[in-house]
Protein backbone atom coordinates (compact mmCIF):
# COMPACT_ATOMS: atom_id res chain seq x y z
CA MET A 1 18.64 -3.47 22.80
CA ALA A 2 18.97 -6.77 23.57
CA THR A 3 22.09 -8.51 23.99
CA ILE A 4 23.24 -12.01 24.58
CA SER A 5 24.29 -12.25 28.29
CA SER A 6 26.30 -15.69 28.48
CA ASN A 7 29.94 -15.12 29.27
CA LEU A 8 32.15 -17.89 29.02
CA LEU A 9 32.90 -19.81 25.45
CA TYR A 10 35.58 -22.64 25.64
CA LEU A 11 37.01 -24.62 22.64
CA ASN A 12 37.79 -28.57 23.90
CA THR A 13 38.59 -31.57 22.54
CA ARG A 14 35.44 -33.72 23.39
CA ARG A 15 33.02 -33.55 20.72
CA SER A 16 32.86 -33.19 16.87
CA PRO A 17 30.88 -31.15 15.56
CA PRO A 18 30.66 -30.43 11.71
CA PHE A 19 31.97 -27.24 12.43
CA SER A 20 35.12 -27.99 13.46
CA GLN A 21 35.71 -29.78 10.74
CA GLN A 22 37.70 -26.20 9.28
CA PHE A 23 40.28 -26.50 11.72
CA GLN A 24 41.20 -30.37 11.55
CA SER A 25 44.50 -30.65 10.95
CA SER A 26 46.39 -33.99 9.49
CA THR A 27 48.40 -34.54 12.76
CA ARG A 28 45.56 -34.17 15.02
CA THR A 29 43.22 -37.15 16.22
CA LYS A 30 40.77 -35.05 18.27
CA PRO A 31 39.09 -31.76 16.06
CA ILE A 32 38.68 -28.44 18.33
CA THR A 33 34.99 -28.03 19.17
CA VAL A 34 33.32 -24.45 20.47
CA SER A 35 31.40 -24.34 23.61
CA ILE A 36 29.78 -22.01 26.06
CA ILE A 37 30.32 -23.32 29.30
CA LYS A 38 27.72 -23.82 32.49
CA ALA A 39 29.81 -23.42 35.31
CA GLN A 40 28.65 -26.40 37.45
CA LEU A 41 29.23 -28.97 34.39
CA ALA A 42 32.54 -30.36 35.68
CA PRO A 43 34.78 -29.42 38.75
CA SER A 44 37.62 -27.31 37.71
CA PRO A 45 37.75 -28.83 34.11
CA LYS A 46 40.69 -28.42 31.57
CA GLU A 47 40.13 -26.83 27.78
CA ASP A 48 41.72 -25.86 24.74
CA ILE A 49 40.85 -21.97 24.37
CA VAL A 50 38.55 -20.25 26.50
CA ILE A 51 36.67 -16.98 25.23
CA VAL A 52 35.53 -14.25 27.80
CA GLY A 53 32.50 -12.77 26.91
CA ALA A 54 29.67 -13.47 24.44
CA GLY A 55 28.75 -10.38 22.26
CA ILE A 56 29.66 -9.63 19.03
CA ALA A 57 33.15 -10.38 19.59
CA GLY A 58 33.35 -13.76 21.47
CA LEU A 59 30.73 -15.21 19.35
CA SER A 60 32.24 -14.25 16.09
CA THR A 61 35.92 -15.17 17.92
CA ALA A 62 34.45 -18.75 18.53
CA LEU A 63 32.86 -19.24 14.68
CA ALA A 64 35.94 -17.99 13.19
CA LEU A 65 37.88 -20.73 15.01
CA HIS A 66 35.27 -23.96 14.80
CA ARG A 67 22.14 5.20 1.78
CA MET A 68 22.32 9.16 3.89
CA VAL A 69 20.81 12.52 4.57
CA ILE A 70 22.22 15.25 6.82
CA LYS A 71 20.27 17.93 7.73
CA SER A 72 20.61 20.70 10.11
CA GLU A 73 18.31 20.86 13.27
CA ASP A 74 15.94 23.14 12.01
CA GLY A 75 15.60 20.26 9.07
CA ARG A 76 16.94 21.98 6.60
CA GLU A 77 18.75 19.42 4.12
CA LEU A 78 22.61 20.11 4.17
CA ARG A 79 22.90 17.28 2.05
CA SER A 80 21.72 14.21 0.04
CA PHE A 81 24.09 11.02 -1.61
CA ARG A 82 23.78 7.40 -1.87
CA PHE A 83 27.24 5.78 -1.37
CA LYS A 84 27.19 4.22 -4.52
CA ASP A 85 27.18 7.06 -6.61
CA GLU A 86 30.29 8.53 -4.12
CA ASP A 87 31.65 5.28 -4.40
CA GLU A 88 31.11 2.25 -6.06
CA SER A 89 32.71 -0.14 -3.06
CA GLN A 90 30.55 1.36 -0.55
CA GLU A 91 27.30 0.26 1.07
CA VAL A 92 25.53 0.39 4.35
CA ARG A 93 23.79 -2.48 5.88
CA ALA A 94 21.76 -1.36 9.08
CA VAL A 95 21.63 -4.77 11.37
CA GLU A 96 19.75 -4.82 14.79
CA ARG A 97 22.12 -5.92 17.24
CA ARG A 98 20.12 -8.86 18.72
CA ILE A 99 19.62 -9.97 15.21
CA LEU A 100 23.49 -10.49 14.84
CA LEU A 101 23.94 -11.88 18.38
CA GLU A 102 21.51 -14.47 17.34
CA THR A 103 22.59 -15.09 13.96
CA LEU A 104 25.82 -15.55 15.62
CA ALA A 105 24.99 -17.99 17.83
CA ASN A 106 22.72 -20.17 16.10
CA GLN A 107 25.68 -20.53 13.48
CA LEU A 108 27.08 -22.79 16.68
CA PRO A 109 27.08 -26.32 17.25
CA PRO A 110 23.53 -27.20 19.08
CA ASP A 111 23.46 -26.51 23.06
CA THR A 112 26.74 -24.87 22.86
CA VAL A 113 25.39 -21.69 23.84
CA GLN A 114 24.81 -21.88 27.47
CA PHE A 115 24.83 -19.17 30.35
CA SER A 116 27.20 -18.70 32.99
CA SER A 117 28.71 -17.29 35.70
CA LYS A 118 30.66 -13.91 35.72
CA LEU A 119 34.83 -14.18 35.79
CA ALA A 120 35.44 -13.48 39.27
CA ASN A 121 39.60 -13.51 38.85
CA ILE A 122 42.45 -15.10 36.29
CA GLU A 123 45.73 -15.90 37.34
CA ARG A 124 48.83 -18.02 35.78
CA THR A 125 49.39 -21.18 37.14
CA GLU A 126 53.17 -22.87 37.77
CA ASN A 127 52.50 -25.14 34.89
CA GLY A 128 52.00 -22.41 32.37
CA GLU A 129 48.34 -22.70 32.48
CA ILE A 130 45.39 -19.52 33.11
CA LEU A 131 42.75 -20.38 35.75
CA LEU A 132 39.42 -18.69 35.68
CA GLU A 133 37.37 -18.52 38.57
CA LEU A 134 33.84 -17.64 38.33
CA GLU A 135 31.99 -15.53 40.95
CA ASP A 136 29.80 -18.61 41.65
CA GLY A 137 33.03 -20.88 42.92
CA ALA A 138 33.57 -22.88 39.91
CA ARG A 139 37.15 -22.84 38.48
CA LEU A 140 38.42 -23.45 34.76
CA TYR A 141 41.96 -23.98 33.79
CA SER A 142 42.43 -23.36 30.43
CA LYS A 143 45.86 -23.01 27.61
CA ILE A 144 44.53 -20.31 25.64
CA VAL A 145 42.00 -17.14 27.24
CA ILE A 146 40.64 -15.28 24.61
CA GLY A 147 39.04 -11.62 26.12
CA CYS A 148 35.89 -10.93 24.61
CA ASP A 149 34.73 -8.73 27.70
CA GLY A 150 34.22 -5.64 26.49
CA ILE A 151 34.85 -2.24 27.01
CA ARG A 152 35.23 -2.72 30.75
CA SER A 153 37.31 -5.90 30.31
CA PRO A 154 38.88 -7.43 33.60
CA ILE A 155 41.05 -9.17 31.55
CA ALA A 156 42.29 -6.29 29.99
CA LYS A 157 42.81 -5.19 33.65
CA TRP A 158 44.69 -7.95 34.62
CA MET A 159 47.09 -7.30 31.68
CA GLY A 160 47.56 -3.95 32.80
CA PHE A 161 45.68 -1.94 30.66
CA SER A 162 43.91 1.49 31.53
CA GLY A 163 40.56 1.44 32.14
CA PRO A 164 39.05 3.52 28.90
CA ARG A 165 38.54 6.94 29.03
CA TYR A 166 36.07 8.96 28.60
CA VAL A 167 35.70 11.56 25.78
CA GLY A 168 33.48 14.70 26.85
CA HIS A 169 30.15 13.21 25.20
CA CYS A 170 27.40 10.43 26.05
CA ALA A 171 24.54 9.00 23.65
CA PHE A 172 20.89 8.16 24.47
CA ARG A 173 19.97 4.85 21.89
CA GLY A 174 16.92 3.30 20.97
CA LEU A 175 15.06 0.64 18.68
CA ALA A 176 11.97 2.59 17.61
CA SER A 177 9.31 -0.42 16.67
CA TYR A 178 6.35 -0.02 14.63
CA PRO A 179 4.34 -3.58 14.53
CA GLU A 180 2.57 -2.67 10.93
CA GLY A 181 5.76 -1.25 9.61
CA GLN A 182 7.95 1.71 10.02
CA PRO A 183 7.33 4.82 7.24
CA PHE A 184 11.20 5.78 6.43
CA GLU A 185 13.34 4.83 3.37
CA PRO A 186 16.13 2.95 3.57
CA LYS A 187 18.88 5.80 4.39
CA VAL A 188 21.12 6.91 6.91
CA ASN A 189 19.32 10.10 8.45
CA TYR A 190 21.77 12.58 10.43
CA VAL A 191 20.69 15.85 11.98
CA TYR A 192 23.38 18.29 13.24
CA GLY A 193 23.33 20.67 15.83
CA ARG A 194 24.95 23.08 18.47
CA GLY A 195 26.94 20.64 20.68
CA LEU A 196 24.24 17.69 20.07
CA ARG A 197 23.91 15.68 16.65
CA ALA A 198 21.25 12.75 16.02
CA GLY A 199 20.43 10.23 14.14
CA TYR A 200 18.20 7.17 12.76
CA VAL A 201 18.11 4.70 10.58
CA PRO A 202 15.82 1.49 9.92
CA VAL A 203 16.99 -1.69 10.49
CA SER A 204 14.10 -3.59 9.62
CA PRO A 205 10.35 -3.44 8.16
CA THR A 206 9.38 -2.58 11.87
CA LYS A 207 12.31 -1.10 13.66
CA VAL A 208 14.39 1.82 13.62
CA TYR A 209 17.49 2.93 15.30
CA TRP A 210 17.89 6.51 16.67
CA PHE A 211 20.46 7.81 18.83
CA ILE A 212 21.26 11.30 20.10
CA CYS A 213 24.92 12.23 21.33
CA PHE A 214 25.25 15.55 23.58
CA ASN A 215 28.22 16.89 24.99
CA ARG A 216 28.91 16.75 28.84
CA SER A 217 31.77 17.35 31.10
CA SER A 218 31.39 14.01 33.01
CA PRO A 219 29.30 10.75 32.52
CA GLY A 220 27.07 11.73 35.52
CA PRO A 221 25.05 9.16 37.34
CA LYS A 222 23.82 5.96 35.71
CA ILE A 223 19.65 6.37 34.93
CA THR A 224 18.29 3.29 34.83
CA ASP A 225 14.58 4.06 34.62
CA ALA A 226 13.05 3.97 31.37
CA TYR A 227 10.84 6.54 31.63
CA GLU A 228 13.44 9.03 33.11
CA LEU A 229 15.38 8.08 29.79
CA LYS A 230 12.71 9.07 27.34
CA LYS A 231 11.91 12.01 29.02
CA LYS A 232 15.57 12.91 29.07
CA ALA A 233 16.23 12.30 25.41
CA LYS A 234 12.88 14.62 24.50
CA GLU A 235 14.33 17.10 25.89
CA LEU A 236 17.35 17.14 24.46
CA VAL A 237 16.03 17.47 20.85
CA ARG A 238 12.28 19.32 21.53
CA ASN A 239 13.29 22.23 19.48
CA TRP A 240 14.18 19.87 16.69
CA PRO A 241 12.06 18.07 13.22
CA SER A 242 9.17 16.63 14.64
CA GLU A 243 10.07 12.88 13.46
CA LEU A 244 12.87 12.76 15.87
CA LEU A 245 10.76 12.93 18.26
CA ASN A 246 7.71 10.72 16.98
CA ILE A 247 10.18 8.02 16.35
CA ILE A 248 11.46 8.33 20.55
CA ASP A 249 7.40 8.19 20.94
CA VAL A 250 7.13 4.85 19.90
CA THR A 251 10.48 3.32 21.73
CA PRO A 252 9.80 0.46 23.79
CA ASP A 253 11.49 1.25 27.16
CA ASP A 254 13.12 -1.58 27.68
CA THR A 255 15.56 -0.63 24.67
CA ILE A 256 16.58 2.72 25.46
CA ILE A 257 19.65 3.20 27.11
CA ARG A 258 22.18 6.40 28.03
CA THR A 259 26.30 5.49 27.89
CA PRO A 260 28.98 7.45 27.88
CA LEU A 261 31.48 7.53 24.95
CA VAL A 262 34.75 6.19 25.64
CA ASP A 263 37.64 5.13 24.12
CA ARG A 264 41.57 3.68 24.55
CA TRP A 265 44.10 4.86 22.32
CA LEU A 266 46.93 2.46 22.02
CA TRP A 267 50.04 4.12 21.39
CA PRO A 268 53.01 2.10 20.65
CA ALA A 269 55.51 1.23 23.64
CA VAL A 270 53.25 2.64 25.44
CA THR A 271 50.17 0.44 26.02
CA PRO A 272 50.60 -3.20 26.82
CA ARG A 273 50.59 -5.80 23.86
CA ALA A 274 47.20 -7.01 22.89
CA SER A 275 48.55 -10.57 24.38
CA ASP A 276 50.66 -12.16 27.44
CA GLY A 277 51.80 -15.85 27.00
CA GLY A 278 48.53 -17.58 26.51
CA VAL A 279 46.08 -14.71 27.05
CA VAL A 280 45.05 -12.30 23.70
CA LEU A 281 41.87 -9.50 23.70
CA VAL A 282 39.63 -9.02 21.14
CA GLY A 283 37.01 -5.90 20.30
CA ASP A 284 36.30 -3.75 22.94
CA ALA A 285 38.63 -5.18 25.40
CA TRP A 286 41.62 -4.62 23.65
CA HIS A 287 40.53 -1.24 21.32
CA PRO A 288 37.36 0.33 22.71
CA MET A 289 36.45 3.20 20.26
CA THR A 290 33.77 5.94 19.91
CA PRO A 291 30.94 4.70 17.81
CA ASN A 292 31.27 8.00 15.75
CA LEU A 293 32.72 5.83 12.41
CA GLY A 294 30.32 3.13 13.23
CA GLN A 295 33.47 0.16 13.19
CA GLY A 296 33.51 -0.63 16.76
CA ALA A 297 31.71 -3.97 16.57
CA CYS A 298 32.89 -4.25 12.59
CA CYS A 299 36.43 -3.94 14.06
CA ALA A 300 35.19 -7.22 16.36
CA LEU A 301 34.34 -8.79 13.63
CA GLU A 302 37.76 -8.50 11.52
CA ASP A 303 39.85 -9.30 15.04
CA ALA A 304 37.95 -12.65 15.04
CA VAL A 305 39.11 -13.57 11.35
CA VAL A 306 42.55 -12.61 11.35
CA LEU A 307 42.98 -14.29 15.02
CA ALA A 308 41.50 -17.56 13.77
CA ARG A 309 43.73 -17.61 10.53
CA LYS A 310 47.01 -17.01 13.09
CA LEU A 311 45.31 -19.70 15.46
CA ALA A 312 44.11 -22.16 12.91
CA ASN A 313 48.12 -23.71 12.54
CA ALA A 314 49.42 -22.75 15.72
CA ILE A 315 46.81 -24.27 17.86
CA ILE A 316 48.58 -28.05 17.21
CA SER A 317 52.07 -27.16 18.04
CA GLU A 318 54.19 -26.00 20.65
CA PRO A 319 53.28 -22.84 23.02
CA GLU A 320 55.64 -20.79 21.49
CA SER A 321 53.87 -21.26 17.56
CA ILE A 322 50.63 -20.46 19.76
CA GLU A 323 52.39 -17.27 21.13
CA SER A 324 53.71 -16.03 17.69
CA ALA A 325 50.18 -16.13 16.49
CA PHE A 326 49.36 -13.87 18.85
CA ARG A 327 52.21 -11.09 18.21
CA SER A 328 51.13 -11.91 14.40
CA TYR A 329 47.46 -10.94 14.96
CA GLU A 330 48.95 -7.99 16.56
CA ALA A 331 50.97 -6.79 14.29
CA GLU A 332 48.68 -7.59 11.69
CA ARG A 333 45.43 -5.24 13.52
CA TRP A 334 46.86 -2.36 15.76
CA PRO A 335 47.57 -0.44 11.98
CA ARG A 336 44.01 -0.73 11.42
CA VAL A 337 42.50 -0.82 14.84
CA PHE A 338 44.58 2.25 16.02
CA PRO A 339 44.28 5.08 13.60
CA LEU A 340 40.74 4.28 13.54
CA THR A 341 40.46 4.82 16.94
CA ILE A 342 41.88 8.34 16.60
CA ARG A 343 39.85 8.96 13.85
CA ALA A 344 36.57 7.97 15.49
CA ASN A 345 37.78 10.45 18.63
CA LEU A 346 38.35 13.34 15.91
CA VAL A 347 35.35 13.53 13.73
CA GLY A 348 32.68 13.20 17.07
CA SER A 349 35.00 15.97 18.22
CA ALA A 350 34.30 17.98 15.42
CA LEU A 351 30.87 16.99 14.80
CA GLN A 352 29.93 18.06 18.61
CA TRP A 353 31.56 21.58 17.68
CA GLU A 354 29.20 24.36 19.91
CA ASN A 355 30.67 27.44 18.80
CA PRO A 356 27.81 28.76 16.50
CA LEU A 357 30.04 30.48 13.55
CA VAL A 358 32.14 27.41 13.62
CA CYS A 359 29.10 25.47 13.33
CA SER A 360 27.81 27.64 10.40
CA VAL A 361 30.81 27.11 8.26
CA ARG A 362 30.60 22.90 8.88
CA ASN A 363 26.89 23.53 8.14
CA ASN A 364 26.86 25.56 5.03
CA VAL A 365 30.54 25.02 3.59
CA VAL A 366 32.76 21.97 4.88
CA ILE A 367 29.37 19.48 4.30
CA PRO A 368 27.70 19.99 1.72
CA LYS A 369 30.89 21.48 -0.37
CA LEU A 370 33.89 20.12 0.89
CA VAL A 371 33.41 16.78 1.87
CA ARG A 372 34.15 14.00 -0.11
CA LEU A 373 32.24 10.31 0.80
CA GLY A 374 34.26 8.07 -0.94
CA PRO A 375 37.65 8.83 0.49
CA LEU A 376 36.04 9.27 4.01
CA LEU A 377 34.41 6.32 3.87
CA GLU A 378 37.58 3.78 2.88
CA HIS A 379 38.21 2.74 6.11
CA THR A 380 34.82 0.42 5.77
CA ASN A 381 36.48 -1.35 3.07
CA PHE A 382 38.43 -4.55 4.37
CA GLU A 383 38.87 -7.95 3.08
CA CYS A 384 37.27 -10.75 4.40
CA GLU A 385 38.45 -14.59 2.58
CA PRO A 386 36.54 -17.62 3.55
CA LEU A 387 37.70 -19.48 6.50
């Protein structure tokens, strides 16, 4: 799926669009505003806040600051249910990533989103500011840097985090296109096999998102050829229900990707803190998790809301208040994201079982008779009051 590839957002004090009114204080004469920088705008500009990364985490942080069917591989239905029947508090809404990114970006003031050079280096200056050096040679100074630069975050590496850990399986993903209208009901559909699973869900009247997750001892070489990606995806499920193969057939080549699944467990007293001075991490840059619970992007959105609340008052105070806000943000978010990361990993491992006997018990006993969806989905509930 298409993504926005811009790299840096910044909060400054040079303009005052309507959005900034949410964060004004009676003791501040200039409102905080949100922008994504273009590196050539000025030599070594100084900003209040720089947000590195303009994906879901970055855009949502900038904004904050300014029904299911399960089948076996032979097509036999294992369980069908509606979330509202299981738990009145539950629902599922599928959104195309591109649409979500565009929606977030469109809520920012006009001309905010601009393309920029990628981050090449980060360091702390003698006066406590953060220096960001871009690949095109531009330099930026900021009081606060928010790292929203994804799974392979250079900022997380600079802060001492290890790289994300490969969990033993990879995934093909794609977005099928039906210009005349897709034929599926608004349900999440899962298909479970041995060491292999797949799923698909409509995300709009004309598009259907699908995935295939398969075991692999190592991530393997990166594949960029679209024809080869589609071919290998179909080979994995060639004997599965034909509707899945048909979905892959009508998928535009440029929407198919293959990625290794990774995560990072935030062990207390072992893993570095989420913040270091004026630098803080949000979303995948801090807590990458496997997609088995569908909570990666959701947690990034939650991070953005919580961090914005913590910073709203601290940003006009002394640096110590900002660092305190970062600590408070970490203290509130860690008890949620750490267990979710582990749970997503364990769920994925269980669904990727290869042993025929174990898979038979899963398909004939566990899923149809033992799994209770209400408690299983409680992690999706998050109270979010208006900013």
